[in-house]
Protein backbone atom coordinates (compact mmCIF):
# COMPACT_ATOMS: atom_id res chain seq x y z
CA MET A 1 6.23 26.69 92.62
CA ILE A 2 4.83 30.00 93.88
CA PHE A 3 4.13 32.47 91.08
CA SER A 4 3.69 36.23 91.39
CA SER A 5 0.63 37.02 89.30
CA THR A 6 -1.47 40.18 89.25
CA ALA A 7 -4.96 41.63 89.44
CA ALA A 8 -4.23 43.01 85.95
CA VAL A 9 -5.43 39.66 84.56
CA TYR A 10 -9.01 40.84 85.23
CA GLY A 11 -8.82 43.90 83.01
CA MET A 12 -11.52 46.57 82.99
CA VAL A 13 -13.79 45.32 85.76
CA GLY A 14 -16.58 47.18 87.56
CA SER A 15 -16.92 48.35 91.13
CA ASP A 16 -17.81 44.94 92.61
CA PRO A 17 -14.98 42.85 94.13
CA VAL A 18 -13.53 40.34 91.68
CA GLY A 19 -13.21 36.69 92.60
CA GLU A 20 -10.84 34.14 91.14
CA ASP A 21 -13.70 32.92 88.92
CA THR A 22 -14.25 36.36 87.37
CA PRO A 23 -13.77 36.26 83.57
CA LEU A 24 -10.20 37.17 82.66
CA ALA A 25 -9.70 39.94 80.10
CA PRO A 26 -6.34 41.69 80.60
CA VAL A 27 -5.91 44.93 78.65
CA SER A 28 -2.15 45.39 79.07
CA PRO A 29 0.86 43.37 77.91
CA TYR A 30 1.78 43.00 81.59
CA GLY A 31 -1.57 41.44 82.46
CA ARG A 32 -1.52 39.20 79.38
CA SER A 33 1.98 37.95 80.15
CA LYS A 34 0.97 37.05 83.70
CA LEU A 35 -2.15 35.24 82.51
CA MET A 36 -0.09 33.36 79.93
CA SER A 37 2.22 32.24 82.73
CA GLU A 38 -0.75 31.06 84.81
CA TRP A 39 -1.93 28.98 81.83
CA MET A 40 1.54 27.50 81.36
CA LEU A 41 1.67 26.51 85.02
CA ALA A 42 -1.75 24.88 84.84
CA ASP A 43 -0.84 22.96 81.67
CA THR A 44 2.47 21.81 83.13
CA ALA A 45 0.86 20.72 86.39
CA PHE A 46 -1.70 18.71 84.39
CA ALA A 47 1.03 16.84 82.52
CA PHE A 48 3.73 16.54 85.17
CA PRO A 49 3.99 16.19 88.99
CA LEU A 50 4.18 19.92 89.63
CA SER A 51 2.18 21.72 92.30
CA TYR A 52 1.91 25.51 92.32
CA VAL A 53 0.17 28.52 93.80
CA ALA A 54 -0.35 31.68 91.75
CA LEU A 55 -0.92 34.76 93.88
CA ARG A 56 -2.75 37.58 92.15
CA TYR A 57 -1.38 40.73 93.77
CA PHE A 58 -3.61 43.75 94.09
CA ASN A 59 -2.01 47.13 94.90
CA VAL A 60 0.99 46.31 97.07
CA ALA A 61 1.93 49.23 99.32
CA GLY A 62 3.78 50.21 102.47
CA ALA A 63 7.18 49.17 103.80
CA ASP A 64 8.57 46.83 106.43
CA PRO A 65 7.26 48.11 109.79
CA GLN A 66 10.74 47.59 111.26
CA GLY A 67 12.27 49.80 108.59
CA ARG A 68 14.50 47.14 107.05
CA THR A 69 13.17 47.29 103.48
CA GLY A 70 10.98 49.46 101.30
CA GLN A 71 10.59 50.78 97.78
CA SER A 72 13.78 52.53 96.72
CA THR A 73 13.28 52.94 92.97
CA ALA A 74 14.24 56.40 91.72
CA GLY A 75 11.46 58.03 89.73
CA ALA A 76 8.89 55.47 90.88
CA THR A 77 5.29 55.90 89.70
CA HIS A 78 3.48 54.03 92.50
CA LEU A 79 0.88 56.44 93.86
CA LEU A 80 1.68 55.99 97.56
CA LYS A 81 5.42 56.47 97.05
CA VAL A 82 4.83 59.54 94.89
CA ALA A 83 2.50 60.98 97.53
CA CYS A 84 5.00 60.31 100.32
CA GLU A 85 7.82 61.93 98.33
CA THR A 86 5.57 64.94 97.72
CA ALA A 87 4.64 65.23 101.39
CA LEU A 88 8.34 65.19 102.31
CA GLY A 89 9.27 67.84 99.75
CA LYS A 90 11.04 65.49 97.35
CA ARG A 91 8.56 66.37 94.59
CA PRO A 92 6.82 69.69 93.95
CA GLY A 93 3.41 68.07 93.61
CA LEU A 94 1.54 65.22 91.98
CA GLN A 95 -1.20 64.61 89.45
CA VAL A 96 -4.49 62.76 89.79
CA PHE A 97 -5.54 61.21 86.49
CA GLY A 98 -9.30 61.20 86.06
CA THR A 99 -11.92 62.71 88.37
CA ASP A 100 -15.03 61.71 86.42
CA TYR A 101 -15.22 57.98 87.11
CA PRO A 102 -18.57 56.62 88.43
CA THR A 103 -17.18 56.28 91.96
CA PRO A 104 -18.10 58.16 95.16
CA ASP A 105 -15.52 60.93 94.58
CA GLY A 106 -14.87 60.46 90.87
CA THR A 107 -11.41 58.88 91.21
CA CYS A 108 -10.30 55.29 90.74
CA LEU A 109 -10.67 52.70 93.51
CA ARG A 110 -7.87 50.30 94.39
CA ASP A 111 -7.36 47.55 96.97
CA TYR A 112 -4.13 48.38 98.82
CA ILE A 113 -2.43 45.44 100.55
CA HIS A 114 0.52 45.93 102.87
CA VAL A 115 3.68 44.27 101.61
CA SER A 116 4.17 42.42 104.92
CA ASP A 117 0.76 40.75 104.57
CA LEU A 118 1.73 39.78 101.02
CA VAL A 119 4.93 38.21 102.35
CA ALA A 120 2.79 36.24 104.81
CA ALA A 121 0.63 35.02 101.93
CA HIS A 122 3.73 33.54 100.28
CA LEU A 123 4.68 31.73 103.46
CA ASP A 124 1.13 30.39 103.82
CA ALA A 125 1.23 29.22 100.20
CA LEU A 126 4.54 27.46 100.80
CA ARG A 127 3.17 25.66 103.87
CA HIS A 128 0.08 24.69 101.88
CA LEU A 129 2.10 23.11 99.08
CA ARG A 130 4.61 21.42 101.39
CA GLY A 131 1.68 19.91 103.27
CA GLY A 132 0.36 18.31 100.11
CA GLY A 133 -2.21 20.97 99.26
CA GLU A 134 -3.63 21.25 95.77
CA SER A 135 -2.50 23.79 93.23
CA GLY A 136 -4.54 26.95 93.07
CA VAL A 137 -4.88 30.61 92.17
CA PHE A 138 -5.62 33.15 94.90
CA ASN A 139 -6.33 36.87 95.10
CA CYS A 140 -4.11 38.84 97.47
CA GLY A 141 -6.09 41.85 98.65
CA TYR A 142 -8.18 43.02 101.57
CA GLY A 143 -11.53 43.28 99.82
CA ARG A 144 -11.81 47.01 100.45
CA GLY A 145 -11.23 49.72 97.87
CA TYR A 146 -9.88 53.20 98.58
CA SER A 147 -10.06 56.00 96.05
CA VAL A 148 -7.07 57.98 94.85
CA LEU A 149 -8.28 60.99 96.82
CA GLU A 150 -8.81 58.89 99.98
CA LEU A 151 -5.22 57.68 99.75
CA LEU A 152 -3.91 61.21 99.29
CA GLU A 153 -5.95 62.44 102.25
CA ALA A 154 -4.48 59.61 104.35
CA VAL A 155 -0.95 60.70 103.39
CA LYS A 156 -1.76 64.32 104.27
CA ARG A 157 -3.32 63.23 107.57
CA VAL A 158 -0.47 60.97 108.65
CA SER A 159 2.31 63.30 107.46
CA GLY A 160 0.66 66.51 108.63
CA VAL A 161 1.49 68.13 105.27
CA ASP A 162 -1.11 69.59 102.89
CA PHE A 163 0.76 69.21 99.60
CA PRO A 164 -0.45 70.44 96.18
CA VAL A 165 -2.44 68.14 93.90
CA ALA A 166 -3.16 68.80 90.20
CA TYR A 167 -5.93 67.16 88.20
CA ALA A 168 -5.51 65.70 84.73
CA PRO A 169 -7.66 63.69 82.29
CA ARG A 170 -8.00 59.92 82.57
CA ARG A 171 -5.18 57.72 81.36
CA ALA A 172 -6.02 55.04 78.80
CA GLY A 173 -6.30 51.58 80.34
CA ASP A 174 -6.93 52.65 83.95
CA PRO A 175 -9.82 50.54 85.32
CA MET A 176 -12.43 52.36 87.37
CA ALA A 177 -12.01 49.94 90.28
CA VAL A 178 -9.92 46.87 91.09
CA VAL A 179 -10.94 45.35 94.42
CA ALA A 180 -10.31 41.78 95.54
CA LYS A 181 -12.76 39.19 96.69
CA ALA A 182 -10.32 37.44 99.01
CA ASP A 183 -12.36 34.75 100.76
CA LEU A 184 -10.60 31.86 99.01
CA ILE A 185 -7.07 32.61 100.24
CA ARG A 186 -8.31 32.96 103.81
CA ALA A 187 -10.27 29.71 103.71
CA THR A 188 -7.72 27.60 101.82
CA LEU A 189 -4.35 28.93 102.94
CA GLY A 190 -5.40 30.25 106.35
CA TRP A 191 -4.10 33.70 105.45
CA THR A 192 -4.88 36.27 108.15
CA PRO A 193 -3.77 39.82 107.31
CA LYS A 194 -2.50 41.97 110.18
CA LEU A 195 -2.04 45.41 108.59
CA ASP A 196 -5.43 46.01 106.99
CA ASP A 197 -5.49 49.72 107.84
CA LEU A 198 -4.84 52.50 105.36
CA ASP A 199 -3.20 54.85 107.87
CA ALA A 200 -0.89 52.07 109.05
CA ILE A 201 0.13 51.33 105.46
CA VAL A 202 0.80 55.01 104.83
CA ARG A 203 2.75 55.39 108.07
CA THR A 204 5.18 52.59 107.19
CA ALA A 205 5.71 54.08 103.72
CA LEU A 206 6.36 57.53 105.17
CA ASP A 207 8.76 56.18 107.80
CA TRP A 208 10.70 54.36 105.11
CA GLU A 209 10.80 57.42 102.87
CA ARG A 210 12.02 59.63 105.72
CA GLY A 211 14.98 57.37 106.35
CA LEU A 212 15.80 56.62 102.73
CA ASP A 213 18.10 59.60 102.13
CA ALA A 214 20.07 58.79 105.28
CA ARG A 215 20.43 55.16 104.19
CA ARG A 216 21.66 56.23 100.75
CA ALA A 217 24.12 58.70 102.24
CA GLY A 218 25.50 55.97 104.46
CA GLY A 219 25.96 53.57 101.55
């Protein structure tokens, strides 16, 4: 079994990258439900002949570089999609929640991983298990954090549009930073990311967003 877990199992961590051995303290029902599922998998694998890999996703972003798939949810709240919609005039602006965090520019840090590299991680996990590999839990991230403002600047840079940004107070439950320590997945599964570049991630998201209206119009 391959299970989609989440970095939310770590909870309110600091600025240092979090490894799989970091104490787990989820602060949201989402994070708790994922951790509960990890525990159930571990207990089941202990009692029965089940092998599994749980992949803890960090901030999944971007779209298929060939334009076949991407995020299509109406009213989505993912920061990159919101920023791309704003740059393309689909939204009048966006809000940044919290500018007083103890980070270089005062905004939250996140580890953005391109969706295609995440897909590759699943394939590597499948090969690992089919080859008789042991069960395990692995972070899926690049090990580099970008701030909210850095992401917005990347969207402005790639799109060529200087869209309006409003600032609002922090939201409850937003960790200051969530960055992966991702050595284990590379060493154990042989995972080698190919799109570890913020501008490349943004470009694929923008390309997808540009073509989304045409795809919807065509059915």
